[in-house]
Every structure is written in structure tokens, then in C-alpha cells.
Amino acid sequence: MISTYVISLESSQERRTVIRDHLDALGIPFRFFDAIDVLLPEVRKFFDEKFLSSLPAFDILQLAGVDSKQKARLTLNIGNVDGYQICALPRCHYSMGGLIYTRDAARLIDSNVTGITAPIDNMIFLDCHVMGLRIIEVRPPILRSNTNVPSTIGSRRGPDSFFSKVDREFRRIRNWMRRWRCFVRVWGLSSILRLRST
């Protein structure tokens, strides 16, 4: 059976009761997923056109942070706005949560992705199917990923035969080269010298 998630504000208990009663009556198992209240001041500013225009030019803005226990990543600090550090990373995190896309980014993705061959976040951030996207990240993060909810997509990894290992290594090296080529194309060759491990 397909997993069913209901996205709603935790504070909307009356609405959640109606939804719970309706889905229970239909016999559909589900889980609530807490939505982000854009009325919170720290979130609201990122939906303000004037504030967004004060940020460095971007195609995709990542508002969600990653687990602080992860190892340090190479980071290019491209600015500070209103107490937030704005960064570009050669290797972005693979998450579709907490992203703001410009119309130009949506057009670029639409014109470059001709078929879905993997989870879309992997295609954009890992496989780099779309070259030239200016992806920036906000630190500290505005949103936090809920790592307690497991992925329902599962692993793309197949059996571990000799040829599958060679193919996987080939794709890893190809993706590494694509990420660096994309990073240099967007931020310039000199940006490599300004990368810091954070």
C-alpha cells in the first residue's frame, strides 16, 4: 500500500480531527507531517520579495539544514544578509524540502530533464542533470529536516556484481566531475581558492 502523509500545521487540531475521522472512516492508514508556519517571522522574511532581492543572485535557495553531525563540507561564503550566512557548495544536500525556486530555475530544469531516471533531488543535486543552477544555502538553516521519518523511496542500489560496482564507480566519478564543472561554471574558477571546510 502507498504511504499516505497529511501535511498540516500542528496547531490546526480541529482540521486534523476532521481529516483523521474522514481517513479512518475510509480505512486509509496515514501519518501527519507538520507543515511550517510561514507566519513565523524567521520564515516569513524568506517569502518577502524585497528580502529575496537583497540576497545574492540564485536559482535555488535551500532553507533546510542538514544534520550537524555530518562531516565538514567545502563551502563558499558569498555573503551575509540580516544575520544569515549565504553559502554555495560544490556538493549540495539532496533534499526537496525547504527550497525556493526562481522561475528561471524551473524553466532550466524543465528544459534539461527529459525523463525521470531517479528521485528528482538526486537528478538535480547529485547527478547534476541541470548545469548552471546557482544553488545557495542559508546558515543557520531556517528549517530542519526531520530525520526520524525514513525515506519511502528506498535504495537505488542493485546487486553487488563486479559490473555493477564498476558502473557505480563510473557514475560516482562522472557525477563528481559534473558537480565541479557546474560549480566553476556558476561561481567562477577563482571561487575554488575561496572554499573553506565548514
C-alpha atoms as a PDB file:
ATOM      1  CA  MET A   1       0.000   0.000   0.000  1.00  0.00           C
ATOM      2  CA  ILE A   2       1.168   3.535  -0.742  1.00  0.00           C
ATOM      3  CA  SER A   3       2.173   5.556   2.332  1.00  0.00           C
ATOM      4  CA  THR A   4      -0.167   8.459   2.978  1.00  0.00           C
ATOM      5  CA  TYR A   5       1.014  11.663   4.646  1.00  0.00           C
ATOM      6  CA  VAL A   6      -1.200  14.597   5.536  1.00  0.00           C
ATOM      7  CA  ILE A   7       0.664  17.896   5.577  1.00  0.00           C
ATOM      8  CA  SER A   8      -0.876  20.323   8.039  1.00  0.00           C
ATOM      9  CA  LEU A   9       0.020  22.742  10.795  1.00  0.00           C
ATOM     10  CA  GLU A  10       0.391  21.125  14.190  1.00  0.00           C
ATOM     11  CA  SER A  11      -1.666  23.977  15.646  1.00  0.00           C
ATOM     12  CA  SER A  12      -4.652  23.135  13.367  1.00  0.00           C
ATOM     13  CA  GLN A  13      -6.095  20.495  15.686  1.00  0.00           C
ATOM     14  CA  GLU A  14      -9.708  20.986  14.576  1.00  0.00           C
ATOM     15  CA  ARG A  15      -8.749  20.453  10.931  1.00  0.00           C
ATOM     16  CA  ARG A  16      -6.643  17.425  11.871  1.00  0.00           C
ATOM     17  CA  THR A  17      -9.592  15.892  13.730  1.00  0.00           C
ATOM     18  CA  VAL A  18     -11.810  16.207  10.638  1.00  0.00           C
ATOM     19  CA  ILE A  19      -9.102  14.691   8.418  1.00  0.00           C
ATOM     20  CA  ARG A  20      -8.403  11.887  10.913  1.00  0.00           C
ATOM     21  CA  ASP A  21     -12.119  10.994  11.168  1.00  0.00           C
ATOM     22  CA  HIS A  22     -12.535  11.021   7.385  1.00  0.00           C
ATOM     23  CA  LEU A  23      -9.463   8.867   6.614  1.00  0.00           C
ATOM     24  CA  ASP A  24     -10.216   6.474   9.484  1.00  0.00           C
ATOM     25  CA  ALA A  25     -13.757   6.005   8.110  1.00  0.00           C
ATOM     26  CA  LEU A  26     -12.260   5.119   4.722  1.00  0.00           C
ATOM     27  CA  GLY A  27      -9.792   2.718   6.344  1.00  0.00           C
ATOM     28  CA  ILE A  28      -6.770   4.594   4.998  1.00  0.00           C
ATOM     29  CA  PRO A  29      -3.701   4.480   7.280  1.00  0.00           C
ATOM     30  CA  PHE A  30      -1.842   7.798   7.353  1.00  0.00           C
ATOM     31  CA  ARG A  31       0.583   9.966   9.279  1.00  0.00           C
ATOM     32  CA  PHE A  32       0.563  13.693   9.873  1.00  0.00           C
ATOM     33  CA  PHE A  33       3.536  15.670   8.629  1.00  0.00           C
ATOM     34  CA  ASP A  34       3.939  19.007  10.403  1.00  0.00           C
ATOM     35  CA  ALA A  35       3.860  21.923   7.973  1.00  0.00           C
ATOM     36  CA  ILE A  36       5.936  25.058   8.505  1.00  0.00           C
ATOM     37  CA  ASP A  37       4.005  28.142   9.541  1.00  0.00           C
ATOM     38  CA  VAL A  38       5.112  30.862   7.121  1.00  0.00           C
ATOM     39  CA  LEU A  39       3.662  33.421   9.504  1.00  0.00           C
ATOM     40  CA  LEU A  40       6.611  32.882  11.843  1.00  0.00           C
ATOM     41  CA  PRO A  41       8.865  35.961  11.486  1.00  0.00           C
ATOM     42  CA  GLU A  42      12.050  33.984  10.742  1.00  0.00           C
ATOM     43  CA  VAL A  43      10.298  32.130   7.897  1.00  0.00           C
ATOM     44  CA  ARG A  44       8.097  34.965   6.612  1.00  0.00           C
ATOM     45  CA  LYS A  45      11.030  37.138   5.537  1.00  0.00           C
ATOM     46  CA  PHE A  46      12.134  34.492   3.020  1.00  0.00           C
ATOM     47  CA  PHE A  47       8.807  34.893   1.223  1.00  0.00           C
ATOM     48  CA  ASP A  48       9.177  38.667   1.014  1.00  0.00           C
ATOM     49  CA  GLU A  49      10.170  39.824  -2.469  1.00  0.00           C
ATOM     50  CA  LYS A  50      12.241  42.725  -1.143  1.00  0.00           C
ATOM     51  CA  PHE A  51      14.235  40.464   1.195  1.00  0.00           C
ATOM     52  CA  LEU A  52      14.776  37.849  -1.526  1.00  0.00           C
ATOM     53  CA  SER A  53      16.096  40.543  -3.872  1.00  0.00           C
ATOM     54  CA  SER A  54      18.685  41.518  -1.226  1.00  0.00           C
ATOM     55  CA  LEU A  55      20.241  38.042  -1.449  1.00  0.00           C
ATOM     56  CA  PRO A  56      22.956  37.186  -3.958  1.00  0.00           C
ATOM     57  CA  ALA A  57      21.512  36.062  -7.297  1.00  0.00           C
ATOM     58  CA  PHE A  58      20.261  32.472  -7.112  1.00  0.00           C
ATOM     59  CA  ASP A  59      18.189  29.871  -8.929  1.00  0.00           C
ATOM     60  CA  ILE A  60      17.510  27.623  -5.941  1.00  0.00           C
ATOM     61  CA  LEU A  61      17.627  28.738  -2.301  1.00  0.00           C
ATOM     62  CA  GLN A  62      17.974  25.942   0.270  1.00  0.00           C
ATOM     63  CA  LEU A  63      16.340  26.860   3.587  1.00  0.00           C
ATOM     64  CA  ALA A  64      16.616  23.431   5.207  1.00  0.00           C
ATOM     65  CA  GLY A  65      19.707  22.451   7.125  1.00  0.00           C
ATOM     66  CA  VAL A  66      21.485  19.166   7.429  1.00  0.00           C
ATOM     67  CA  ASP A  67      22.482  17.112  10.430  1.00  0.00           C
ATOM     68  CA  SER A  68      25.291  18.907  12.253  1.00  0.00           C
ATOM     69  CA  LYS A  69      26.893  15.500  12.958  1.00  0.00           C
ATOM     70  CA  GLN A  70      27.801  15.148   9.281  1.00  0.00           C
ATOM     71  CA  LYS A  71      31.392  15.694   8.274  1.00  0.00           C
ATOM     72  CA  ALA A  72      32.548  19.153   7.239  1.00  0.00           C
ATOM     73  CA  ARG A  73      31.827  20.220   3.661  1.00  0.00           C
ATOM     74  CA  LEU A  74      33.594  22.620   1.347  1.00  0.00           C
ATOM     75  CA  THR A  75      31.716  25.909   1.450  1.00  0.00           C
ATOM     76  CA  LEU A  76      31.970  29.217  -0.424  1.00  0.00           C
ATOM     77  CA  ASN A  77      30.704  32.146   1.637  1.00  0.00           C
ATOM     78  CA  ILE A  78      29.109  34.500  -0.887  1.00  0.00           C
ATOM     79  CA  GLY A  79      27.548  36.959   1.516  1.00  0.00           C
ATOM     80  CA  ASN A  80      25.837  37.808   4.774  1.00  0.00           C
ATOM     81  CA  VAL A  81      22.315  39.186   4.889  1.00  0.00           C
ATOM     82  CA  ASP A  82      20.335  40.090   8.000  1.00  0.00           C
ATOM     83  CA  GLY A  83      22.354  37.765  10.252  1.00  0.00           C
ATOM     84  CA  TYR A  84      22.360  34.840   7.814  1.00  0.00           C
ATOM     85  CA  GLN A  85      25.402  33.489   6.022  1.00  0.00           C
ATOM     86  CA  ILE A  86      24.712  32.774   2.352  1.00  0.00           C
ATOM     87  CA  CYS A  87      26.808  29.888   1.001  1.00  0.00           C
ATOM     88  CA  ALA A  88      27.391  27.972  -2.203  1.00  0.00           C
ATOM     89  CA  LEU A  89      28.574  24.372  -2.016  1.00  0.00           C
ATOM     90  CA  PRO A  90      30.169  22.172  -4.661  1.00  0.00           C
ATOM     91  CA  ARG A  91      28.159  19.303  -3.184  1.00  0.00           C
ATOM     92  CA  CYS A  92      24.649  20.312  -2.101  1.00  0.00           C
ATOM     93  CA  HIS A  93      22.490  18.136   0.116  1.00  0.00           C
ATOM     94  CA  TYR A  94      19.887  16.029  -1.569  1.00  0.00           C
ATOM     95  CA  SER A  95      16.570  17.161  -0.236  1.00  0.00           C
ATOM     96  CA  MET A  96      13.471  18.594  -1.824  1.00  0.00           C
ATOM     97  CA  GLY A  97      12.276  20.183   1.426  1.00  0.00           C
ATOM     98  CA  GLY A  98      12.639  23.878   2.148  1.00  0.00           C
ATOM     99  CA  LEU A  99      13.567  25.071  -1.346  1.00  0.00           C
ATOM    100  CA  ILE A 100      12.684  28.280  -3.144  1.00  0.00           C
ATOM    101  CA  TYR A 101      12.966  28.101  -6.950  1.00  0.00           C
ATOM    102  CA  THR A 102      13.064  31.068  -9.302  1.00  0.00           C
ATOM    103  CA  ARG A 103      11.036  30.895 -12.491  1.00  0.00           C
ATOM    104  CA  ASP A 104      14.297  30.748 -14.472  1.00  0.00           C
ATOM    105  CA  ALA A 105      15.367  27.682 -12.458  1.00  0.00           C
ATOM    106  CA  ALA A 106      12.037  25.969 -13.128  1.00  0.00           C
ATOM    107  CA  ARG A 107      12.406  26.668 -16.863  1.00  0.00           C
ATOM    108  CA  LEU A 108      16.004  25.407 -16.876  1.00  0.00           C
ATOM    109  CA  ILE A 109      15.047  22.206 -15.045  1.00  0.00           C
ATOM    110  CA  ASP A 110      12.063  21.676 -17.350  1.00  0.00           C
ATOM    111  CA  SER A 111      14.176  22.089 -20.487  1.00  0.00           C
ATOM    112  CA  ASN A 112      17.018  19.820 -19.272  1.00  0.00           C
ATOM    113  CA  VAL A 113      15.221  16.973 -17.530  1.00  0.00           C
ATOM    114  CA  THR A 114      13.652  14.949 -20.324  1.00  0.00           C
ATOM    115  CA  GLY A 115      12.818  11.884 -18.253  1.00  0.00           C
ATOM    116  CA  ILE A 116      12.782  10.918 -14.602  1.00  0.00           C
ATOM    117  CA  THR A 117      15.506   8.313 -14.095  1.00  0.00           C
ATOM    118  CA  ALA A 118      15.981   8.760 -10.342  1.00  0.00           C
ATOM    119  CA  PRO A 119      14.481  10.707  -7.421  1.00  0.00           C
ATOM    120  CA  ILE A 120      14.370  14.301  -8.648  1.00  0.00           C
ATOM    121  CA  ASP A 121      16.562  15.608  -5.814  1.00  0.00           C
ATOM    122  CA  ASN A 122      19.275  13.156  -6.886  1.00  0.00           C
ATOM    123  CA  MET A 123      18.915  14.230 -10.505  1.00  0.00           C
ATOM    124  CA  ILE A 124      19.320  17.912  -9.626  1.00  0.00           C
ATOM    125  CA  PHE A 125      21.800  17.862  -6.738  1.00  0.00           C
ATOM    126  CA  LEU A 126      23.766  14.601  -7.126  1.00  0.00           C
ATOM    127  CA  ASP A 127      23.712  13.650 -10.805  1.00  0.00           C
ATOM    128  CA  CYS A 128      23.775  17.317 -11.940  1.00  0.00           C
ATOM    129  CA  HIS A 129      21.424  16.782 -14.877  1.00  0.00           C
ATOM    130  CA  VAL A 130      20.886  20.555 -14.981  1.00  0.00           C
ATOM    131  CA  MET A 131      24.103  22.513 -15.489  1.00  0.00           C
ATOM    132  CA  GLY A 132      24.378  26.136 -14.458  1.00  0.00           C
ATOM    133  CA  LEU A 133      21.984  26.261 -11.500  1.00  0.00           C
ATOM    134  CA  ARG A 134      23.046  28.815  -8.877  1.00  0.00           C
ATOM    135  CA  ILE A 135      22.188  26.942  -5.688  1.00  0.00           C
ATOM    136  CA  ILE A 136      22.722  28.764  -2.398  1.00  0.00           C
ATOM    137  CA  GLU A 137      22.150  27.755   1.203  1.00  0.00           C
ATOM    138  CA  VAL A 138      21.146  29.788   4.251  1.00  0.00           C
ATOM    139  CA  ARG A 139      23.039  29.334   7.537  1.00  0.00           C
ATOM    140  CA  PRO A 140      21.877  28.913  10.178  1.00  0.00           C
ATOM    141  CA  PRO A 141      19.103  26.927   8.484  1.00  0.00           C
ATOM    142  CA  ILE A 142      15.551  28.250   8.637  1.00  0.00           C
ATOM    143  CA  LEU A 143      14.086  24.742   8.557  1.00  0.00           C
ATOM    144  CA  ARG A 144      15.389  21.447   9.894  1.00  0.00           C
ATOM    145  CA  SER A 145      14.911  18.129   8.145  1.00  0.00           C
ATOM    146  CA  ASN A 146      13.083  15.512  10.183  1.00  0.00           C
ATOM    147  CA  THR A 147      15.499  12.593  10.058  1.00  0.00           C
ATOM    148  CA  ASN A 148      13.111  10.446  12.153  1.00  0.00           C
ATOM    149  CA  VAL A 149      10.886   9.850   9.119  1.00  0.00           C
ATOM    150  CA  PRO A 150      12.513   7.251   6.868  1.00  0.00           C
ATOM    151  CA  SER A 151      12.531   7.619   3.100  1.00  0.00           C
ATOM    152  CA  THR A 152       9.834   5.692   1.276  1.00  0.00           C
ATOM    153  CA  ILE A 153      11.824   5.779  -1.971  1.00  0.00           C
ATOM    154  CA  GLY A 154      14.326   3.180  -0.870  1.00  0.00           C
ATOM    155  CA  SER A 155      17.756   2.484  -2.259  1.00  0.00           C
ATOM    156  CA  ARG A 156      18.599   2.713  -5.963  1.00  0.00           C
ATOM    157  CA  ARG A 157      21.457   0.326  -5.389  1.00  0.00           C
ATOM    158  CA  GLY A 158      21.169  -3.014  -7.147  1.00  0.00           C
ATOM    159  CA  PRO A 159      23.060  -6.264  -6.658  1.00  0.00           C
ATOM    160  CA  ASP A 160      26.790  -6.035  -5.974  1.00  0.00           C
ATOM    161  CA  SER A 161      28.202  -7.805  -9.014  1.00  0.00           C
ATOM    162  CA  PHE A 162      31.585  -6.822 -10.406  1.00  0.00           C
ATOM    163  CA  PHE A 163      29.978  -4.911 -13.284  1.00  0.00           C
ATOM    164  CA  SER A 164      27.519  -3.073 -11.046  1.00  0.00           C
ATOM    165  CA  LYS A 165      30.408  -1.948  -8.821  1.00  0.00           C
ATOM    166  CA  VAL A 166      32.345  -0.702 -11.864  1.00  0.00           C
ATOM    167  CA  ASP A 167      29.232   1.078 -13.160  1.00  0.00           C
ATOM    168  CA  ARG A 168      28.563   2.657  -9.747  1.00  0.00           C
ATOM    169  CA  GLU A 169      32.166   3.879  -9.509  1.00  0.00           C
ATOM    170  CA  PHE A 170      31.992   5.279 -13.032  1.00  0.00           C
ATOM    171  CA  ARG A 171      28.786   7.197 -12.171  1.00  0.00           C
ATOM    172  CA  ARG A 172      30.321   8.453  -8.909  1.00  0.00           C
ATOM    173  CA  ILE A 173      33.343   9.874 -10.767  1.00  0.00           C
ATOM    174  CA  ARG A 174      31.139  11.295 -13.565  1.00  0.00           C
ATOM    175  CA  ASN A 175      28.864  12.997 -11.022  1.00  0.00           C
ATOM    176  CA  TRP A 176      31.868  14.362  -9.109  1.00  0.00           C
ATOM    177  CA  MET A 177      33.211  15.890 -12.341  1.00  0.00           C
ATOM    178  CA  ARG A 178      29.787  17.302 -13.263  1.00  0.00           C
ATOM    179  CA  ARG A 179      29.369  18.906  -9.819  1.00  0.00           C
ATOM    180  CA  TRP A 180      32.752  20.631 -10.021  1.00  0.00           C
ATOM    181  CA  ARG A 181      32.191  21.710 -13.635  1.00  0.00           C
ATOM    182  CA  CYS A 182      28.802  23.144 -12.671  1.00  0.00           C
ATOM    183  CA  PHE A 183      30.230  24.884  -9.582  1.00  0.00           C
ATOM    184  CA  VAL A 184      33.048  26.516 -11.582  1.00  0.00           C
ATOM    185  CA  ARG A 185      30.655  27.478 -14.380  1.00  0.00           C
ATOM    186  CA  VAL A 186      28.370  29.275 -11.932  1.00  0.00           C
ATOM    187  CA  TRP A 187      30.790  30.766  -9.391  1.00  0.00           C
ATOM    188  CA  GLY A 188      33.994  31.067 -11.455  1.00  0.00           C
ATOM    189  CA  LEU A 189      37.343  29.300 -11.335  1.00  0.00           C
ATOM    190  CA  SER A 190      38.694  31.663  -8.670  1.00  0.00           C
ATOM    191  CA  SER A 191      35.912  30.552  -6.275  1.00  0.00           C
ATOM    192  CA  ILE A 192      37.784  27.277  -5.731  1.00  0.00           C
ATOM    193  CA  LEU A 193      40.526  29.213  -3.930  1.00  0.00           C
ATOM    194  CA  ARG A 194      37.947  30.743  -1.560  1.00  0.00           C
ATOM    195  CA  LEU A 195      36.385  27.432  -0.479  1.00  0.00           C
ATOM    196  CA  ARG A 196      36.607  26.640   3.234  1.00  0.00           C
ATOM    197  CA  SER A 197      35.788  23.462   5.112  1.00  0.00           C
ATOM    198  CA  THR A 198      32.861  24.132   7.491  1.00  0.00           C
END
